[in-house]
Structure formats: C-alpha cells, structure tokens
PDB file of N, CA and C in Angstrom:
ATOM      1  N   MET A   1      74.756 122.643-129.764  1.00  0.00           N
ATOM      2  CA  MET A   1      75.962 123.017-130.463  1.00  0.00           C
ATOM      3  C   MET A   1      76.362 122.039-131.375  1.00  0.00           C
ATOM      4  N   PRO A   2      76.324 122.251-132.770  1.00  0.00           N
ATOM      5  CA  PRO A   2      76.751 121.359-133.759  1.00  0.00           C
ATOM      6  C   PRO A   2      78.239 121.030-133.609  1.00  0.00           C
ATOM      7  N   ARG A   3      78.468 119.905-133.869  1.00  0.00           N
ATOM      8  CA  ARG A   3      79.937 119.184-133.931  1.00  0.00           C
ATOM      9  C   ARG A   3      80.719 119.864-135.108  1.00  0.00           C
ATOM     10  N   ARG A   4      81.945 120.035-134.920  1.00  0.00           N
ATOM     11  CA  ARG A   4      82.667 120.385-136.238  1.00  0.00           C
ATOM     12  C   ARG A   4      82.992 119.007-136.952  1.00  0.00           C
ATOM     13  N   PRO A   5      83.263 119.294-138.252  1.00  0.00           N
ATOM     14  CA  PRO A   5      83.352 118.064-138.962  1.00  0.00           C
ATOM     15  C   PRO A   5      84.709 117.637-138.785  1.00  0.00           C
ATOM     16  N   LYS A   6      84.902 116.434-138.851  1.00  0.00           N
ATOM     17  CA  LYS A   6      86.317 115.653-138.529  1.00  0.00           C
ATOM     18  C   LYS A   6      87.226 115.736-139.828  1.00  0.00           C
ATOM     19  N   SER A   7      88.404 115.859-139.587  1.00  0.00           N
ATOM     20  CA  SER A   7      89.361 115.840-140.761  1.00  0.00           C
ATOM     21  C   SER A   7      89.576 114.266-141.218  1.00  0.00           C
ATOM     22  N   VAL A   8      90.060 114.383-142.390  1.00  0.00           N
ATOM     23  CA  VAL A   8      90.461 112.829-142.812  1.00  0.00           C
ATOM     24  C   VAL A   8      91.242 111.966-141.895  1.00  0.00           C
ATOM     25  N   GLU A   9      92.251 112.663-141.292  1.00  0.00           N
ATOM     26  CA  GLU A   9      93.173 112.187-140.306  1.00  0.00           C
ATOM     27  C   GLU A   9      92.537 111.614-139.092  1.00  0.00           C
ATOM     28  N   GLU A  10      91.690 112.468-138.703  1.00  0.00           N
ATOM     29  CA  GLU A  10      90.768 112.179-137.551  1.00  0.00           C
ATOM     30  C   GLU A  10      89.920 110.829-137.715  1.00  0.00           C
ATOM     31  N   LEU A  11      89.188 110.913-138.899  1.00  0.00           N
ATOM     32  CA  LEU A  11      88.385 109.626-139.155  1.00  0.00           C
ATOM     33  C   LEU A  11      89.209 108.328-139.467  1.00  0.00           C
ATOM     34  N   VAL A  12      90.439 108.514-139.948  1.00  0.00           N
ATOM     35  CA  VAL A  12      91.205 107.142-140.270  1.00  0.00           C
ATOM     36  C   VAL A  12      91.669 106.820-138.794  1.00  0.00           C
ATOM     37  N   ARG A  13      92.140 107.867-138.022  1.00  0.00           N
ATOM     38  CA  ARG A  13      92.528 107.310-136.530  1.00  0.00           C
ATOM     39  C   ARG A  13      91.395 106.687-135.801  1.00  0.00           C
ATOM     40  N   GLU A  14      90.169 107.130-135.940  1.00  0.00           N
ATOM     41  CA  GLU A  14      89.280 106.374-135.271  1.00  0.00           C
ATOM     42  C   GLU A  14      88.921 105.263-135.521  1.00  0.00           C
ATOM     43  N   LEU A  15      88.920 104.948-137.223  1.00  0.00           N
ATOM     44  CA  LEU A  15      88.599 103.919-137.575  1.00  0.00           C
ATOM     45  C   LEU A  15      89.433 102.683-137.194  1.00  0.00           C
ATOM     46  N   LEU A  16      90.690 103.118-137.179  1.00  0.00           N
ATOM     47  CA  LEU A  16      91.882 102.090-137.007  1.00  0.00           C
ATOM     48  C   LEU A  16      92.352 101.913-135.483  1.00  0.00           C
ATOM     49  N   ALA A  17      91.529 102.672-134.441  1.00  0.00           N
ATOM     50  CA  ALA A  17      91.942 102.676-133.249  1.00  0.00           C
ATOM     51  C   ALA A  17      91.725 101.431-132.598  1.00  0.00           C
ATOM     52  N   ARG A  18      90.776 100.555-133.041  1.00  0.00           N
ATOM     53  CA  ARG A  18      90.647  99.160-132.488  1.00  0.00           C
ATOM     54  C   ARG A  18      90.279  98.489-133.415  1.00  0.00           C
ATOM     55  N   ARG A  19      90.657  96.985-132.961  1.00  0.00           N
ATOM     56  CA  ARG A  19      90.299  95.805-133.862  1.00  0.00           C
ATOM     57  C   ARG A  19      89.054  95.133-133.207  1.00  0.00           C
ATOM     58  N   ASN A  20      88.395  94.196-134.103  1.00  0.00           N
ATOM     59  CA  ASN A  20      87.380  93.439-133.474  1.00  0.00           C
ATOM     60  C   ASN A  20      87.957  92.367-132.708  1.00  0.00           C
ATOM     61  N   PRO A  21      87.185  91.502-132.060  1.00  0.00           N
ATOM     62  CA  PRO A  21      87.744  90.423-131.195  1.00  0.00           C
ATOM     63  C   PRO A  21      88.666  89.342-132.131  1.00  0.00           C
ATOM     64  N   HIS A  22      88.371  89.366-133.297  1.00  0.00           N
ATOM     65  CA  HIS A  22      89.142  88.355-134.150  1.00  0.00           C
ATOM     66  C   HIS A  22      90.414  88.849-134.766  1.00  0.00           C
ATOM     67  N   GLY A  23      90.801  90.159-134.446  1.00  0.00           N
ATOM     68  CA  GLY A  23      92.075  90.685-134.908  1.00  0.00           C
ATOM     69  C   GLY A  23      91.853  91.516-136.194  1.00  0.00           C
ATOM     70  N   TYR A  24      90.570  91.818-136.576  1.00  0.00           N
ATOM     71  CA  TYR A  24      90.352  92.625-137.806  1.00  0.00           C
ATOM     72  C   TYR A  24      90.115  94.196-137.764  1.00  0.00           C
ATOM     73  N   TYR A  25      90.590  94.899-138.576  1.00  0.00           N
ATOM     74  CA  TYR A  25      90.131  96.219-138.595  1.00  0.00           C
ATOM     75  C   TYR A  25      88.839  96.221-139.251  1.00  0.00           C
ATOM     76  N   VAL A  26      87.739  96.986-138.958  1.00  0.00           N
ATOM     77  CA  VAL A  26      86.425  96.990-139.481  1.00  0.00           C
ATOM     78  C   VAL A  26      86.311  98.414-140.069  1.00  0.00           C
ATOM     79  N   ILE A  27      85.991  98.545-141.490  1.00  0.00           N
ATOM     80  CA  ILE A  27      85.664  99.720-141.927  1.00  0.00           C
ATOM     81  C   ILE A  27      84.126  99.773-142.568  1.00  0.00           C
ATOM     82  N   PRO A  28      83.220 100.540-142.120  1.00  0.00           N
ATOM     83  CA  PRO A  28      81.904 100.534-142.598  1.00  0.00           C
ATOM     84  C   PRO A  28      81.720 101.225-144.099  1.00  0.00           C
ATOM     85  N   VAL A  29      81.411 100.697-144.999  1.00  0.00           N
ATOM     86  CA  VAL A  29      81.410 101.282-146.249  1.00  0.00           C
ATOM     87  C   VAL A  29      79.783 100.920-146.989  1.00  0.00           C
ATOM     88  N   LYS A  30      79.632 102.016-147.657  1.00  0.00           N
ATOM     89  CA  LYS A  30      78.227 101.926-148.482  1.00  0.00           C
ATOM     90  C   LYS A  30      78.281 100.750-149.486  1.00  0.00           C
ATOM     91  N   LEU A  31      77.425  99.810-149.352  1.00  0.00           N
ATOM     92  CA  LEU A  31      77.368  98.607-150.128  1.00  0.00           C
ATOM     93  C   LEU A  31      77.553  98.810-151.601  1.00  0.00           C
ATOM     94  N   ASP A  32      76.925  99.719-152.283  1.00  0.00           N
ATOM     95  CA  ASP A  32      77.073 100.046-153.792  1.00  0.00           C
ATOM     96  C   ASP A  32      78.484 100.496-154.226  1.00  0.00           C
ATOM     97  N   GLY A  33      79.397 100.792-153.083  1.00  0.00           N
ATOM     98  CA  GLY A  33      80.812 101.085-153.580  1.00  0.00           C
ATOM     99  C   GLY A  33      81.950 100.212-153.026  1.00  0.00           C
ATOM    100  N   VAL A  34      81.426  99.105-152.414  1.00  0.00           N
ATOM    101  CA  VAL A  34      82.429  98.418-151.725  1.00  0.00           C
ATOM    102  C   VAL A  34      83.373  97.763-152.639  1.00  0.00           C
ATOM    103  N   ASN A  35      82.934  97.268-153.795  1.00  0.00           N
ATOM    104  CA  ASN A  35      84.196  96.865-154.785  1.00  0.00           C
ATOM    105  C   ASN A  35      85.092  97.825-155.198  1.00  0.00           C
ATOM    106  N   ASP A  36      84.815  99.113-155.183  1.00  0.00           N
ATOM    107  CA  ASP A  36      85.733 100.232-155.641  1.00  0.00           C
ATOM    108  C   ASP A  36      86.707 100.476-154.476  1.00  0.00           C
ATOM    109  N   VAL A  37      86.418 100.083-153.331  1.00  0.00           N
ATOM    110  CA  VAL A  37      87.520 100.424-152.237  1.00  0.00           C
ATOM    111  C   VAL A  37      88.286  99.289-152.052  1.00  0.00           C
ATOM    112  N   ILE A  38      87.890  97.999-152.293  1.00  0.00           N
ATOM    113  CA  ILE A  38      88.650  96.835-151.954  1.00  0.00           C
ATOM    114  C   ILE A  38      89.365  96.152-153.138  1.00  0.00           C
ATOM    115  N   ARG A  39      89.289  96.867-154.269  1.00  0.00           N
ATOM    116  CA  ARG A  39      89.989  96.458-155.516  1.00  0.00           C
ATOM    117  C   ARG A  39      91.467  96.455-155.184  1.00  0.00           C
ATOM    118  N   GLY A  40      92.088  95.217-155.425  1.00  0.00           N
ATOM    119  CA  GLY A  40      93.607  94.961-155.331  1.00  0.00           C
ATOM    120  C   GLY A  40      94.072  94.662-153.920  1.00  0.00           C
ATOM    121  N   VAL A  41      93.043  94.571-152.920  1.00  0.00           N
ATOM    122  CA  VAL A  41      93.496  94.325-151.609  1.00  0.00           C
ATOM    123  C   VAL A  41      93.226  92.788-151.321  1.00  0.00           C
ATOM    124  N   GLU A  42      94.131  92.048-150.822  1.00  0.00           N
ATOM    125  CA  GLU A  42      93.963  90.712-150.446  1.00  0.00           C
ATOM    126  C   GLU A  42      93.750  90.374-149.019  1.00  0.00           C
ATOM    127  N   GLY A  43      93.028  89.336-148.776  1.00  0.00           N
ATOM    128  CA  GLY A  43      92.676  89.096-147.416  1.00  0.00           C
ATOM    129  C   GLY A  43      91.485  89.895-146.905  1.00  0.00           C
ATOM    130  N   VAL A  44      90.659  90.234-147.758  1.00  0.00           N
ATOM    131  CA  VAL A  44      89.491  91.213-147.345  1.00  0.00           C
ATOM    132  C   VAL A  44      88.425  90.132-146.920  1.00  0.00           C
ATOM    133  N   VAL A  45      87.593  90.503-145.890  1.00  0.00           N
ATOM    134  CA  VAL A  45      86.248  89.914-145.478  1.00  0.00           C
ATOM    135  C   VAL A  45      85.311  90.822-145.698  1.00  0.00           C
ATOM    136  N   VAL A  46      84.164  90.581-146.370  1.00  0.00           N
ATOM    137  CA  VAL A  46      83.052  91.661-146.425  1.00  0.00           C
ATOM    138  C   VAL A  46      81.812  91.135-145.924  1.00  0.00           C
ATOM    139  N   GLU A  47      81.256  91.748-145.186  1.00  0.00           N
ATOM    140  CA  GLU A  47      79.934  91.377-144.501  1.00  0.00           C
ATOM    141  C   GLU A  47      78.892  92.293-144.811  1.00  0.00           C
ATOM    142  N   GLU A  48      77.838  91.826-145.267  1.00  0.00           N
ATOM    143  CA  GLU A  48      76.828  92.817-145.755  1.00  0.00           C
ATOM    144  C   GLU A  48      75.746  92.930-144.802  1.00  0.00           C
ATOM    145  N   ILE A  49      75.352  94.165-144.384  1.00  0.00           N
ATOM    146  CA  ILE A  49      74.160  94.406-143.417  1.00  0.00           C
ATOM    147  C   ILE A  49      73.409  95.499-144.028  1.00  0.00           C
ATOM    148  N   GLY A  50      72.245  95.005-144.590  1.00  0.00           N
ATOM    149  CA  GLY A  50      71.455  95.948-145.316  1.00  0.00           C
ATOM    150  C   GLY A  50      71.927  96.664-146.332  1.00  0.00           C
ATOM    151  N   ASP A  51      72.140  97.880-146.702  1.00  0.00           N
ATOM    152  CA  ASP A  51      72.792  98.461-147.678  1.00  0.00           C
ATOM    153  C   ASP A  51      74.034  99.070-147.208  1.00  0.00           C
ATOM    154  N   LEU A  52      74.812  98.408-146.201  1.00  0.00           N
ATOM    155  CA  LEU A  52      76.146  98.734-145.606  1.00  0.00           C
ATOM    156  C   LEU A  52      77.081  97.455-145.833  1.00  0.00           C
ATOM    157  N   ALA A  53      78.329  97.517-145.913  1.00  0.00           N
ATOM    158  CA  ALA A  53      79.140  96.497-146.058  1.00  0.00           C
ATOM    159  C   ALA A  53      80.213  96.827-144.927  1.00  0.00           C
ATOM    160  N   LEU A  54      80.605  95.871-143.987  1.00  0.00           N
ATOM    161  CA  LEU A  54      81.696  95.871-143.096  1.00  0.00           C
ATOM    162  C   LEU A  54      82.781  95.374-143.813  1.00  0.00           C
ATOM    163  N   VAL A  55      83.706  96.105-144.082  1.00  0.00           N
ATOM    164  CA  VAL A  55      84.923  95.556-144.875  1.00  0.00           C
ATOM    165  C   VAL A  55      85.990  95.295-143.631  1.00  0.00           C
ATOM    166  N   MET A  56      86.363  93.992-143.486  1.00  0.00           N
ATOM    167  CA  MET A  56      87.352  93.713-142.595  1.00  0.00           C
ATOM    168  C   MET A  56      88.489  93.144-143.185  1.00  0.00           C
ATOM    169  N   VAL A  57      89.719  93.593-142.578  1.00  0.00           N
ATOM    170  CA  VAL A  57      91.199  93.145-143.110  1.00  0.00           C
ATOM    171  C   VAL A  57      92.151  93.308-141.725  1.00  0.00           C
ATOM    172  N   ARG A  58      93.028  92.401-141.682  1.00  0.00           N
ATOM    173  CA  ARG A  58      93.910  92.310-140.800  1.00  0.00           C
ATOM    174  C   ARG A  58      95.193  93.382-140.744  1.00  0.00           C
ATOM    175  N   SER A  59      95.467  93.600-141.944  1.00  0.00           N
ATOM    176  CA  SER A  59      96.591  94.561-142.225  1.00  0.00           C
ATOM    177  C   SER A  59      96.280  96.113-141.901  1.00  0.00           C
ATOM    178  N   ARG A  60      97.027  96.836-140.914  1.00  0.00           N
ATOM    179  CA  ARG A  60      96.709  98.085-140.821  1.00  0.00           C
ATOM    180  C   ARG A  60      96.971  98.959-142.079  1.00  0.00           C
ATOM    181  N   ARG A  61      98.067  98.488-142.633  1.00  0.00           N
ATOM    182  CA  ARG A  61      98.295  99.397-144.021  1.00  0.00           C
ATOM    183  C   ARG A  61      97.230  99.190-145.068  1.00  0.00           C
ATOM    184  N   GLU A  62      96.503  98.071-145.222  1.00  0.00           N
ATOM    185  CA  GLU A  62      95.579  97.763-146.186  1.00  0.00           C
ATOM    186  C   GLU A  62      94.546  98.394-145.595  1.00  0.00           C
ATOM    187  N   ALA A  63      94.074  98.470-144.280  1.00  0.00           N
ATOM    188  CA  ALA A  63      92.977  98.998-143.662  1.00  0.00           C
ATOM    189  C   ALA A  63      92.940 100.671-143.905  1.00  0.00           C
ATOM    190  N   GLU A  64      93.974 101.191-143.751  1.00  0.00           N
ATOM    191  CA  GLU A  64      94.205 102.755-143.824  1.00  0.00           C
ATOM    192  C   GLU A  64      93.997 103.015-145.449  1.00  0.00           C
ATOM    193  N   ARG A  65      94.391 102.027-146.236  1.00  0.00           N
ATOM    194  CA  ARG A  65      94.322 102.344-147.699  1.00  0.00           C
ATOM    195  C   ARG A  65      92.657 102.254-147.941  1.00  0.00           C
ATOM    196  N   ILE A  66      92.026 101.412-147.535  1.00  0.00           N
ATOM    197  CA  ILE A  66      90.607 101.173-147.650  1.00  0.00           C
ATOM    198  C   ILE A  66      89.937 102.357-147.157  1.00  0.00           C
ATOM    199  N   ALA A  67      90.219 102.512-145.887  1.00  0.00           N
ATOM    200  CA  ALA A  67      89.336 103.608-145.251  1.00  0.00           C
ATOM    201  C   ALA A  67      89.664 105.099-146.145  1.00  0.00           C
ATOM    202  N   ARG A  68      90.771 105.389-146.584  1.00  0.00           N
ATOM    203  CA  ARG A  68      91.121 106.547-147.193  1.00  0.00           C
ATOM    204  C   ARG A  68      90.390 106.694-148.663  1.00  0.00           C
ATOM    205  N   ALA A  69      90.319 105.476-149.167  1.00  0.00           N
ATOM    206  CA  ALA A  69      89.566 105.235-150.571  1.00  0.00           C
ATOM    207  C   ALA A  69      88.124 105.628-150.251  1.00  0.00           C
ATOM    208  N   ALA A  70      87.530 104.872-149.263  1.00  0.00           N
ATOM    209  CA  ALA A  70      86.335 105.211-148.915  1.00  0.00           C
ATOM    210  C   ALA A  70      85.831 106.538-148.611  1.00  0.00           C
ATOM    211  N   ILE A  71      86.665 107.276-147.782  1.00  0.00           N
ATOM    212  CA  ILE A  71      86.362 108.742-147.560  1.00  0.00           C
ATOM    213  C   ILE A  71      86.449 109.461-148.767  1.00  0.00           C
ATOM    214  N   SER A  72      87.640 109.323-149.644  1.00  0.00           N
ATOM    215  CA  SER A  72      87.819 110.077-150.693  1.00  0.00           C
ATOM    216  C   SER A  72      86.752 110.116-151.849  1.00  0.00           C
ATOM    217  N   LYS A  73      86.109 108.893-151.783  1.00  0.00           N
ATOM    218  CA  LYS A  73      84.851 108.480-152.778  1.00  0.00           C
ATOM    219  C   LYS A  73      83.648 108.846-152.191  1.00  0.00           C
ATOM    220  N   GLY A  74      83.537 109.256-150.778  1.00  0.00           N
ATOM    221  CA  GLY A  74      82.403 109.493-150.223  1.00  0.00           C
ATOM    222  C   GLY A  74      81.599 108.258-150.123  1.00  0.00           C
ATOM    223  N   LEU A  75      82.197 107.152-149.634  1.00  0.00           N
ATOM    224  CA  LEU A  75      81.467 105.852-149.575  1.00  0.00           C
ATOM    225  C   LEU A  75      81.631 105.250-148.064  1.00  0.00           C
ATOM    226  N   LEU A  76      82.413 106.084-147.234  1.00  0.00           N
ATOM    227  CA  LEU A  76      82.495 105.551-145.879  1.00  0.00           C
ATOM    228  C   LEU A  76      81.093 105.773-145.179  1.00  0.00           C
ATOM    229  N   ALA A  77      80.469 104.806-144.505  1.00  0.00           N
ATOM    230  CA  ALA A  77      79.281 105.040-143.647  1.00  0.00           C
ATOM    231  C   ALA A  77      79.698 105.382-142.468  1.00  0.00           C
ATOM    232  N   LEU A  78      79.384 106.632-142.146  1.00  0.00           N
ATOM    233  CA  LEU A  78      79.632 107.506-141.013  1.00  0.00           C
ATOM    234  C   LEU A  78      78.592 107.176-139.935  1.00  0.00           C
ATOM    235  N   GLU A  79      79.046 107.264-138.712  1.00  0.00           N
ATOM    236  CA  GLU A  79      78.245 107.052-137.511  1.00  0.00           C
ATOM    237  C   GLU A  79      76.808 107.381-137.527  1.00  0.00           C
ATOM    238  N   GLU A  80      76.689 108.802-138.055  1.00  0.00           N
ATOM    239  CA  GLU A  80      75.248 109.294-138.035  1.00  0.00           C
ATOM    240  C   GLU A  80      74.379 108.558-138.974  1.00  0.00           C
ATOM    241  N   GLU A  81      75.086 108.136-140.059  1.00  0.00           N
ATOM    242  CA  GLU A  81      74.224 107.399-141.256  1.00  0.00           C
ATOM    243  C   GLU A  81      73.795 105.968-140.590  1.00  0.00           C
ATOM    244  N   VAL A  82      74.796 105.477-139.786  1.00  0.00           N
ATOM    245  CA  VAL A  82      74.622 104.121-139.111  1.00  0.00           C
ATOM    246  C   VAL A  82      73.412 104.131-138.375  1.00  0.00           C
ATOM    247  N   GLU A  83      73.474 105.137-137.298  1.00  0.00           N
ATOM    248  CA  GLU A  83      72.561 105.401-136.364  1.00  0.00           C
ATOM    249  C   GLU A  83      71.021 105.654-137.070  1.00  0.00           C
ATOM    250  N   GLU A  84      71.174 106.376-138.154  1.00  0.00           N
ATOM    251  CA  GLU A  84      69.748 106.705-138.885  1.00  0.00           C
ATOM    252  C   GLU A  84      69.152 105.496-139.450  1.00  0.00           C
ATOM    253  N   GLU A  85      70.094 104.496-139.889  1.00  0.00           N
ATOM    254  CA  GLU A  85      69.602 103.274-140.500  1.00  0.00           C
ATOM    255  C   GLU A  85      69.023 102.232-139.473  1.00  0.00           C
ATOM    256  N   GLU A  86      69.765 102.359-138.206  1.00  0.00           N
ATOM    257  CA  GLU A  86      69.314 101.557-137.014  1.00  0.00           C
ATOM    258  C   GLU A  86      67.951 101.917-136.686  1.00  0.00           C
ATOM    259  N   GLU A  87      67.744 103.363-136.536  1.00  0.00           N
ATOM    260  CA  GLU A  87      66.442 104.056-136.017  1.00  0.00           C
ATOM    261  C   GLU A  87      65.298 103.524-137.245  1.00  0.00           C
ATOM    262  N   GLY A  88      65.750 103.365-138.305  1.00  0.00           N
ATOM    263  CA  GLY A  88      64.700 103.001-139.456  1.00  0.00           C
ATOM    264  C   GLY A  88      64.293 101.624-139.266  1.00  0.00           C
ATOM    265  N   LEU A  89      65.215 100.827-138.863  1.00  0.00           N
ATOM    266  CA  LEU A  89      64.938  99.315-138.724  1.00  0.00           C
ATOM    267  C   LEU A  89      63.948  99.112-137.666  1.00  0.00           C
ATOM    268  N   GLU A  90      64.400  99.916-136.401  1.00  0.00           N
ATOM    269  CA  GLU A  90      63.547  99.823-135.215  1.00  0.00           C
ATOM    270  C   GLU A  90      62.129 100.309-135.588  1.00  0.00           C
ATOM    271  N   GLU A  91      61.998 101.188-136.320  1.00  0.00           N
ATOM    272  CA  GLU A  91      60.746 101.711-136.618  1.00  0.00           C
ATOM    273  C   GLU A  91      59.786 100.823-137.491  1.00  0.00           C
ATOM    274  N   GLU A  92      60.696 100.219-138.594  1.00  0.00           N
ATOM    275  CA  GLU A  92      59.831  99.063-139.090  1.00  0.00           C
ATOM    276  C   GLU A  92      59.423  97.957-138.442  1.00  0.00           C
ATOM    277  N   GLU A  93      60.258  97.518-137.426  1.00  0.00           N
ATOM    278  CA  GLU A  93      59.925  96.505-136.687  1.00  0.00           C
ATOM    279  C   GLU A  93      58.674  96.548-135.705  1.00  0.00           C
ATOM    280  N   ALA A  94      58.373  97.938-135.348  1.00  0.00           N
ATOM    281  CA  ALA A  94      57.461  98.281-134.463  1.00  0.00           C
ATOM    282  C   ALA A  94      56.128  98.439-135.028  1.00  0.00           C
TER     283      ALA A  94
END
C-alpha cells in the first residue's frame, strides 16, 4: 500500500522533532541549493555528504525557516532520496 504524501506541516514537524546530541536542528538539503535556503541566516553549520548538505542551526525559528524554504524550492532531501543514495554507495563499494 503506497504511503500518502506528507503535508508541509508534517514534514516541518518531523524535521524539528529532535535535535542532534550537540543541540542543533538538522535539515537535509540538496547540495546545489543550500546557499538559497541559508541566505540571511546566522549561526548555520553546513556539512557536505556527497550531493547532500546537512544544514544545522540551533534556533528553532531559523530551522523552521530553512526547512520551509527548502520544501518550497524542492530542495529538501527526503528520506527516500537519502536511502536511495545510501544504497547506491553500498553498491559502489561492493
């Protein structure tokens, strides 16, 4: 049975549900558009992993702003895409 698409509110709520152990909210964004979603936000840490970027910020308000910008521009790296990339990396290693 196919899953129903999540609403913007559900996606944002899931992304901001937890922080990493260092107290940052983490938003996975496609690398080619990371500068578009972090423009004007201070205190952002970006970690590049392949063609994904993990955008980390401590402020919940800024994290929500980044997440909504990424969703509206189609730059949010969804779980399915991350899982597909991980599978691709495993196949390359084999």
